[in-house]
Amino acid sequence: MATGTVKWFNDAKGFGFIEPEGGGVDVFAHFSAIQMDGFKTLKQGGKVSYELIQGPKGQLAHNIVPVDVAVVVVASLEEHL
């Protein structure tokens, strides 16, 4: 899994870009690739993990998980063990 920072995300249009950790070309992020319940959005400056896939116009982020959400899920699971 790759990690990065949300450069910007437009809720009305349903897409934005992620700046990869360590540099490189920004990665396209579509709301349908965000793994969360409810309204799928990303906060500018937020940390995310994602898988890179090749799309017709370049690299796309797939299975995007906001890092804050991942931490909450793991902490919640640990409480029940």
PDB file of N, CA and C in Angstrom:
ATOM      1  N   MET A   1       0.849  -1.189   0.000  1.00  0.00           N
ATOM      2  CA  MET A   1       0.000   0.000   0.000  1.00  0.00           C
ATOM      3  C   MET A   1       0.887   1.243   0.000  1.00  0.00           C
ATOM      4  N   ALA A   2       0.498   2.190  -0.793  1.00  0.00           N
ATOM      5  CA  ALA A   2       1.177   3.479  -0.840  1.00  0.00           C
ATOM      6  C   ALA A   2       0.508   4.420   0.161  1.00  0.00           C
ATOM      7  N   THR A   3       1.207   5.469   0.536  1.00  0.00           N
ATOM      8  CA  THR A   3       0.637   6.488   1.415  1.00  0.00           C
ATOM      9  C   THR A   3       0.878   7.858   0.804  1.00  0.00           C
ATOM     10  N   GLY A   4       0.057   8.808   1.217  1.00  0.00           N
ATOM     11  CA  GLY A   4       0.212  10.159   0.707  1.00  0.00           C
ATOM     12  C   GLY A   4      -0.667  11.133   1.454  1.00  0.00           C
ATOM     13  N   THR A   5      -0.680  12.365   0.964  1.00  0.00           N
ATOM     14  CA  THR A   5      -1.450  13.455   1.551  1.00  0.00           C
ATOM     15  C   THR A   5      -2.434  13.970   0.509  1.00  0.00           C
ATOM     16  N   VAL A   6      -3.668  14.202   0.941  1.00  0.00           N
ATOM     17  CA  VAL A   6      -4.684  14.719   0.028  1.00  0.00           C
ATOM     18  C   VAL A   6      -4.310  16.146  -0.347  1.00  0.00           C
ATOM     19  N   LYS A   7      -4.056  16.370  -1.626  1.00  0.00           N
ATOM     20  CA  LYS A   7      -3.705  17.703  -2.119  1.00  0.00           C
ATOM     21  C   LYS A   7      -4.965  18.560  -2.171  1.00  0.00           C
ATOM     22  N   TRP A   8      -6.023  18.024  -2.760  1.00  0.00           N
ATOM     23  CA  TRP A   8      -7.343  18.659  -2.751  1.00  0.00           C
ATOM     24  C   TRP A   8      -8.375  17.620  -3.150  1.00  0.00           C
ATOM     25  N   PHE A   9      -9.616  17.852  -2.716  1.00  0.00           N
ATOM     26  CA  PHE A   9     -10.728  16.971  -3.069  1.00  0.00           C
ATOM     27  C   PHE A   9     -11.983  17.817  -3.167  1.00  0.00           C
ATOM     28  N   ASN A  10     -12.677  17.735  -4.308  1.00  0.00           N
ATOM     29  CA  ASN A  10     -13.885  18.511  -4.550  1.00  0.00           C
ATOM     30  C   ASN A  10     -15.096  17.610  -4.334  1.00  0.00           C
ATOM     31  N   ASP A  11     -15.849  17.856  -3.251  1.00  0.00           N
ATOM     32  CA  ASP A  11     -17.019  17.037  -2.940  1.00  0.00           C
ATOM     33  C   ASP A  11     -18.070  17.094  -4.042  1.00  0.00           C
ATOM     34  N   ALA A  12     -18.281  18.272  -4.626  1.00  0.00           N
ATOM     35  CA  ALA A  12     -19.313  18.435  -5.657  1.00  0.00           C
ATOM     36  C   ALA A  12     -18.988  17.620  -6.915  1.00  0.00           C
ATOM     37  N   LYS A  13     -17.707  17.552  -7.261  1.00  0.00           N
ATOM     38  CA  LYS A  13     -17.303  16.814  -8.458  1.00  0.00           C
ATOM     39  C   LYS A  13     -16.949  15.365  -8.152  1.00  0.00           C
ATOM     40  N   GLY A  14     -16.653  15.071  -6.886  1.00  0.00           N
ATOM     41  CA  GLY A  14     -16.372  13.694  -6.490  1.00  0.00           C
ATOM     42  C   GLY A  14     -14.982  13.190  -6.803  1.00  0.00           C
ATOM     43  N   PHE A  15     -14.030  14.104  -6.946  1.00  0.00           N
ATOM     44  CA  PHE A  15     -12.662  13.667  -7.194  1.00  0.00           C
ATOM     45  C   PHE A  15     -11.665  14.697  -6.698  1.00  0.00           C
ATOM     46  N   GLY A  16     -10.403  14.282  -6.674  1.00  0.00           N
ATOM     47  CA  GLY A  16      -9.311  15.154  -6.273  1.00  0.00           C
ATOM     48  C   GLY A  16      -7.994  14.458  -6.551  1.00  0.00           C
ATOM     49  N   PHE A  17      -6.941  14.914  -5.871  1.00  0.00           N
ATOM     50  CA  PHE A  17      -5.617  14.354  -6.097  1.00  0.00           C
ATOM     51  C   PHE A  17      -4.889  14.128  -4.779  1.00  0.00           C
ATOM     52  N   ILE A  18      -4.061  13.087  -4.781  1.00  0.00           N
ATOM     53  CA  ILE A  18      -3.232  12.722  -3.636  1.00  0.00           C
ATOM     54  C   ILE A  18      -1.780  12.955  -4.020  1.00  0.00           C
ATOM     55  N   GLU A  19      -1.037  13.603  -3.126  1.00  0.00           N
ATOM     56  CA  GLU A  19       0.401  13.790  -3.315  1.00  0.00           C
ATOM     57  C   GLU A  19       1.105  12.608  -2.656  1.00  0.00           C
ATOM     58  N   PRO A  20       1.789  11.765  -3.438  1.00  0.00           N
ATOM     59  CA  PRO A  20       2.432  10.581  -2.870  1.00  0.00           C
ATOM     60  C   PRO A  20       3.527  10.944  -1.864  1.00  0.00           C
ATOM     61  N   GLU A  21       3.616  10.152  -0.802  1.00  0.00           N
ATOM     62  CA  GLU A  21       4.698  10.327   0.165  1.00  0.00           C
ATOM     63  C   GLU A  21       5.996   9.989  -0.564  1.00  0.00           C
ATOM     64  N   GLY A  22       6.984  10.817  -0.425  1.00  0.00           N
ATOM     65  CA  GLY A  22       8.246  10.594  -1.114  1.00  0.00           C
ATOM     66  C   GLY A  22       8.317  11.253  -2.482  1.00  0.00           C
ATOM     67  N   GLY A  23       7.246  11.960  -2.862  1.00  0.00           N
ATOM     68  CA  GLY A  23       7.260  12.700  -4.117  1.00  0.00           C
ATOM     69  C   GLY A  23       6.733  11.908  -5.298  1.00  0.00           C
ATOM     70  N   GLY A  24       6.788  12.531  -6.436  1.00  0.00           N
ATOM     71  CA  GLY A  24       6.289  11.905  -7.655  1.00  0.00           C
ATOM     72  C   GLY A  24       5.056  12.618  -8.173  1.00  0.00           C
ATOM     73  N   VAL A  25       4.480  12.058  -9.225  1.00  0.00           N
ATOM     74  CA  VAL A  25       3.304  12.631  -9.873  1.00  0.00           C
ATOM     75  C   VAL A  25       2.080  12.439  -8.980  1.00  0.00           C
ATOM     76  N   ASP A  26       1.253  13.492  -8.868  1.00  0.00           N
ATOM     77  CA  ASP A  26       0.020  13.393  -8.086  1.00  0.00           C
ATOM     78  C   ASP A  26      -0.868  12.287  -8.646  1.00  0.00           C
ATOM     79  N   VAL A  27      -1.619  11.637  -7.748  1.00  0.00           N
ATOM     80  CA  VAL A  27      -2.450  10.492  -8.106  1.00  0.00           C
ATOM     81  C   VAL A  27      -3.922  10.892  -8.054  1.00  0.00           C
ATOM     82  N   PHE A  28      -4.673  10.563  -9.104  1.00  0.00           N
ATOM     83  CA  PHE A  28      -6.102  10.857  -9.190  1.00  0.00           C
ATOM     84  C   PHE A  28      -6.867  10.027  -8.160  1.00  0.00           C
ATOM     85  N   ALA A  29      -7.798  10.666  -7.452  1.00  0.00           N
ATOM     86  CA  ALA A  29      -8.622   9.987  -6.445  1.00  0.00           C
ATOM     87  C   ALA A  29     -10.096  10.249  -6.743  1.00  0.00           C
ATOM     88  N   HIS A  30     -10.866   9.180  -6.971  1.00  0.00           N
ATOM     89  CA  HIS A  30     -12.304   9.284  -7.228  1.00  0.00           C
ATOM     90  C   HIS A  30     -13.053   8.817  -5.984  1.00  0.00           C
ATOM     91  N   PHE A  31     -14.200   9.455  -5.706  1.00  0.00           N
ATOM     92  CA  PHE A  31     -14.947   9.124  -4.492  1.00  0.00           C
ATOM     93  C   PHE A  31     -15.305   7.639  -4.415  1.00  0.00           C
ATOM     94  N   SER A  32     -15.514   6.986  -5.549  1.00  0.00           N
ATOM     95  CA  SER A  32     -15.910   5.573  -5.545  1.00  0.00           C
ATOM     96  C   SER A  32     -14.800   4.654  -5.036  1.00  0.00           C
ATOM     97  N   ALA A  33     -13.553   5.146  -4.971  1.00  0.00           N
ATOM     98  CA  ALA A  33     -12.429   4.342  -4.491  1.00  0.00           C
ATOM     99  C   ALA A  33     -12.181   4.515  -2.998  1.00  0.00           C
ATOM    100  N   ILE A  34     -12.942   5.402  -2.336  1.00  0.00           N
ATOM    101  CA  ILE A  34     -12.756   5.667  -0.907  1.00  0.00           C
ATOM    102  C   ILE A  34     -13.481   4.600  -0.098  1.00  0.00           C
ATOM    103  N   GLN A  35     -12.768   3.992   0.835  1.00  0.00           N
ATOM    104  CA  GLN A  35     -13.320   2.924   1.660  1.00  0.00           C
ATOM    105  C   GLN A  35     -13.784   3.487   3.002  1.00  0.00           C
ATOM    106  N   MET A  36     -15.057   3.884   3.057  1.00  0.00           N
ATOM    107  CA  MET A  36     -15.656   4.354   4.310  1.00  0.00           C
ATOM    108  C   MET A  36     -17.163   4.310   4.152  1.00  0.00           C
ATOM    109  N   ASP A  37     -17.865   4.276   5.262  1.00  0.00           N
ATOM    110  CA  ASP A  37     -19.323   4.304   5.242  1.00  0.00           C
ATOM    111  C   ASP A  37     -19.804   5.740   5.121  1.00  0.00           C
ATOM    112  N   GLY A  38     -21.019   5.904   4.637  1.00  0.00           N
ATOM    113  CA  GLY A  38     -21.610   7.234   4.545  1.00  0.00           C
ATOM    114  C   GLY A  38     -21.052   8.023   3.379  1.00  0.00           C
ATOM    115  N   PHE A  39     -21.064   9.341   3.533  1.00  0.00           N
ATOM    116  CA  PHE A  39     -20.600  10.253   2.485  1.00  0.00           C
ATOM    117  C   PHE A  39     -19.098  10.095   2.301  1.00  0.00           C
ATOM    118  N   LYS A  40     -18.673   9.780   1.110  1.00  0.00           N
ATOM    119  CA  LYS A  40     -17.258   9.513   0.830  1.00  0.00           C
ATOM    120  C   LYS A  40     -16.566  10.792   0.392  1.00  0.00           C
ATOM    121  N   THR A  41     -15.656  11.257   1.237  1.00  0.00           N
ATOM    122  CA  THR A  41     -14.907  12.472   0.956  1.00  0.00           C
ATOM    123  C   THR A  41     -13.520  12.353   1.560  1.00  0.00           C
ATOM    124  N   LEU A  42     -12.628  13.230   1.149  1.00  0.00           N
ATOM    125  CA  LEU A  42     -11.277  13.300   1.705  1.00  0.00           C
ATOM    126  C   LEU A  42     -11.006  14.733   2.115  1.00  0.00           C
ATOM    127  N   LYS A  43     -10.325  14.897   3.242  1.00  0.00           N
ATOM    128  CA  LYS A  43      -9.998  16.236   3.729  1.00  0.00           C
ATOM    129  C   LYS A  43      -8.635  16.665   3.203  1.00  0.00           C
ATOM    130  N   GLN A  44      -8.572  17.893   2.704  1.00  0.00           N
ATOM    131  CA  GLN A  44      -7.306  18.443   2.230  1.00  0.00           C
ATOM    132  C   GLN A  44      -6.285  18.380   3.353  1.00  0.00           C
ATOM    133  N   GLY A  45      -5.099  17.874   3.052  1.00  0.00           N
ATOM    134  CA  GLY A  45      -4.039  17.744   4.043  1.00  0.00           C
ATOM    135  C   GLY A  45      -4.107  16.456   4.840  1.00  0.00           C
ATOM    136  N   GLY A  46      -5.175  15.674   4.659  1.00  0.00           N
ATOM    137  CA  GLY A  46      -5.324  14.410   5.383  1.00  0.00           C
ATOM    138  C   GLY A  46      -4.413  13.330   4.824  1.00  0.00           C
ATOM    139  N   LYS A  47      -3.964  12.446   5.689  1.00  0.00           N
ATOM    140  CA  LYS A  47      -3.117  11.324   5.281  1.00  0.00           C
ATOM    141  C   LYS A  47      -4.003  10.160   4.858  1.00  0.00           C
ATOM    142  N   VAL A  48      -3.594   9.479   3.783  1.00  0.00           N
ATOM    143  CA  VAL A  48      -4.338   8.331   3.278  1.00  0.00           C
ATOM    144  C   VAL A  48      -3.386   7.212   2.879  1.00  0.00           C
ATOM    145  N   SER A  49      -3.907   5.988   2.890  1.00  0.00           N
ATOM    146  CA  SER A  49      -3.200   4.865   2.283  1.00  0.00           C
ATOM    147  C   SER A  49      -4.048   4.417   1.100  1.00  0.00           C
ATOM    148  N   TYR A  50      -3.415   3.846   0.095  1.00  0.00           N
ATOM    149  CA  TYR A  50      -4.124   3.482  -1.127  1.00  0.00           C
ATOM    150  C   TYR A  50      -3.287   2.511  -1.949  1.00  0.00           C
ATOM    151  N   GLU A  51      -3.952   1.853  -2.898  1.00  0.00           N
ATOM    152  CA  GLU A  51      -3.275   1.012  -3.871  1.00  0.00           C
ATOM    153  C   GLU A  51      -3.226   1.779  -5.183  1.00  0.00           C
ATOM    154  N   LEU A  52      -2.136   1.645  -5.900  1.00  0.00           N
ATOM    155  CA  LEU A  52      -2.003   2.289  -7.212  1.00  0.00           C
ATOM    156  C   LEU A  52      -2.433   1.321  -8.304  1.00  0.00           C
ATOM    157  N   ILE A  53      -3.284   1.793  -9.210  1.00  0.00           N
ATOM    158  CA  ILE A  53      -3.635   1.010 -10.388  1.00  0.00           C
ATOM    159  C   ILE A  53      -3.461   1.902 -11.614  1.00  0.00           C
ATOM    160  N   GLN A  54      -3.269   1.282 -12.754  1.00  0.00           N
ATOM    161  CA  GLN A  54      -3.100   2.032 -13.993  1.00  0.00           C
ATOM    162  C   GLN A  54      -4.460   2.240 -14.646  1.00  0.00           C
ATOM    163  N   GLY A  55      -4.812   3.490 -14.876  1.00  0.00           N
ATOM    164  CA  GLY A  55      -6.054   3.825 -15.555  1.00  0.00           C
ATOM    165  C   GLY A  55      -5.773   4.260 -16.979  1.00  0.00           C
ATOM    166  N   PRO A  56      -6.806   4.599 -17.733  1.00  0.00           N
ATOM    167  CA  PRO A  56      -6.616   4.996 -19.129  1.00  0.00           C
ATOM    168  C   PRO A  56      -5.818   6.294 -19.302  1.00  0.00           C
ATOM    169  N   LYS A  57      -5.817   7.150 -18.264  1.00  0.00           N
ATOM    170  CA  LYS A  57      -5.108   8.433 -18.372  1.00  0.00           C
ATOM    171  C   LYS A  57      -3.954   8.559 -17.379  1.00  0.00           C
ATOM    172  N   GLY A  58      -3.570   7.458 -16.756  1.00  0.00           N
ATOM    173  CA  GLY A  58      -2.485   7.507 -15.785  1.00  0.00           C
ATOM    174  C   GLY A  58      -2.818   6.707 -14.543  1.00  0.00           C
ATOM    175  N   GLN A  59      -2.049   6.935 -13.487  1.00  0.00           N
ATOM    176  CA  GLN A  59      -2.238   6.182 -12.255  1.00  0.00           C
ATOM    177  C   GLN A  59      -3.446   6.688 -11.475  1.00  0.00           C
ATOM    178  N   LEU A  60      -4.169   5.728 -10.879  1.00  0.00           N
ATOM    179  CA  LEU A  60      -5.338   6.023 -10.057  1.00  0.00           C
ATOM    180  C   LEU A  60      -5.138   5.439  -8.671  1.00  0.00           C
ATOM    181  N   ALA A  61      -5.697   6.107  -7.678  1.00  0.00           N
ATOM    182  CA  ALA A  61      -5.713   5.555  -6.326  1.00  0.00           C
ATOM    183  C   ALA A  61      -6.920   4.629  -6.215  1.00  0.00           C
ATOM    184  N   HIS A  62      -6.719   3.454  -5.634  1.00  0.00           N
ATOM    185  CA  HIS A  62      -7.770   2.455  -5.460  1.00  0.00           C
ATOM    186  C   HIS A  62      -7.750   2.017  -4.000  1.00  0.00           C
ATOM    187  N   ASN A  63      -8.891   1.657  -3.450  1.00  0.00           N
ATOM    188  CA  ASN A  63      -8.984   1.259  -2.032  1.00  0.00           C
ATOM    189  C   ASN A  63      -8.370   2.322  -1.117  1.00  0.00           C
ATOM    190  N   ILE A  64      -8.834   3.550  -1.254  1.00  0.00           N
ATOM    191  CA  ILE A  64      -8.320   4.670  -0.464  1.00  0.00           C
ATOM    192  C   ILE A  64      -8.877   4.593   0.952  1.00  0.00           C
ATOM    193  N   VAL A  65      -7.987   4.643   1.942  1.00  0.00           N
ATOM    194  CA  VAL A  65      -8.400   4.609   3.345  1.00  0.00           C
ATOM    195  C   VAL A  65      -7.757   5.789   4.070  1.00  0.00           C
ATOM    196  N   PRO A  66      -8.572   6.726   4.563  1.00  0.00           N
ATOM    197  CA  PRO A  66      -8.001   7.796   5.394  1.00  0.00           C
ATOM    198  C   PRO A  66      -7.296   7.169   6.594  1.00  0.00           C
ATOM    199  N   VAL A  67      -6.074   7.593   6.875  1.00  0.00           N
ATOM    200  CA  VAL A  67      -5.288   6.993   7.953  1.00  0.00           C
ATOM    201  C   VAL A  67      -5.990   7.142   9.292  1.00  0.00           C
ATOM    202  N   ASP A  68      -6.649   8.263   9.542  1.00  0.00           N
ATOM    203  CA  ASP A  68      -7.371   8.456  10.800  1.00  0.00           C
ATOM    204  C   ASP A  68      -8.446   7.395  10.975  1.00  0.00           C
ATOM    205  N   VAL A  69      -9.145   7.036   9.901  1.00  0.00           N
ATOM    206  CA  VAL A  69     -10.182   6.008   9.957  1.00  0.00           C
ATOM    207  C   VAL A  69      -9.560   4.659  10.252  1.00  0.00           C
ATOM    208  N   ALA A  70      -8.430   4.346   9.627  1.00  0.00           N
ATOM    209  CA  ALA A  70      -7.761   3.070   9.841  1.00  0.00           C
ATOM    210  C   ALA A  70      -7.335   2.924  11.295  1.00  0.00           C
ATOM    211  N   VAL A  71      -6.831   3.982  11.893  1.00  0.00           N
ATOM    212  CA  VAL A  71      -6.402   3.950  13.289  1.00  0.00           C
ATOM    213  C   VAL A  71      -7.595   3.704  14.201  1.00  0.00           C
ATOM    214  N   VAL A  72      -8.711   4.349  13.952  1.00  0.00           N
ATOM    215  CA  VAL A  72      -9.913   4.176  14.764  1.00  0.00           C
ATOM    216  C   VAL A  72     -10.418   2.743  14.668  1.00  0.00           C
ATOM    217  N   VAL A  73     -10.437   2.167  13.468  1.00  0.00           N
ATOM    218  CA  VAL A  73     -10.913   0.799  13.286  1.00  0.00           C
ATOM    219  C   VAL A  73     -10.028  -0.181  14.033  1.00  0.00           C
ATOM    220  N   VAL A  74      -8.714  -0.047  13.921  1.00  0.00           N
ATOM    221  CA  VAL A  74      -7.788  -0.939  14.620  1.00  0.00           C
ATOM    222  C   VAL A  74      -7.954  -0.798  16.124  1.00  0.00           C
ATOM    223  N   ALA A  75      -8.039   0.425  16.628  1.00  0.00           N
ATOM    224  CA  ALA A  75      -8.215   0.643  18.066  1.00  0.00           C
ATOM    225  C   ALA A  75      -9.515   0.017  18.541  1.00  0.00           C
ATOM    226  N   SER A  76     -10.563   0.148  17.764  1.00  0.00           N
ATOM    227  CA  SER A  76     -11.855  -0.418  18.123  1.00  0.00           C
ATOM    228  C   SER A  76     -11.781  -1.942  18.165  1.00  0.00           C
ATOM    229  N   LEU A  77     -11.109  -2.541  17.204  1.00  0.00           N
ATOM    230  CA  LEU A  77     -10.961  -3.995  17.184  1.00  0.00           C
ATOM    231  C   LEU A  77     -10.150  -4.483  18.375  1.00  0.00           C
ATOM    232  N   GLU A  78      -9.090  -3.762  18.723  1.00  0.00           N
ATOM    233  CA  GLU A  78      -8.247  -4.163  19.842  1.00  0.00           C
ATOM    234  C   GLU A  78      -9.010  -4.149  21.159  1.00  0.00           C
ATOM    235  N   GLU A  79      -9.972  -3.247  21.301  1.00  0.00           N
ATOM    236  CA  GLU A  79     -10.770  -3.182  22.522  1.00  0.00           C
ATOM    237  C   GLU A  79     -11.603  -4.438  22.717  1.00  0.00           C
ATOM    238  N   HIS A  80     -11.955  -5.103  21.630  1.00  0.00           N
ATOM    239  CA  HIS A  80     -12.831  -6.266  21.700  1.00  0.00           C
ATOM    240  C   HIS A  80     -12.076  -7.585  21.743  1.00  0.00           C
ATOM    241  N   LEU A  81     -10.765  -7.534  21.750  1.00  0.00           N
ATOM    242  CA  LEU A  81      -9.975  -8.772  21.800  1.00  0.00           C
ATOM    243  C   LEU A  81      -9.667  -9.179  23.210  1.00  0.00           C
TER     244      LEU A  81
END
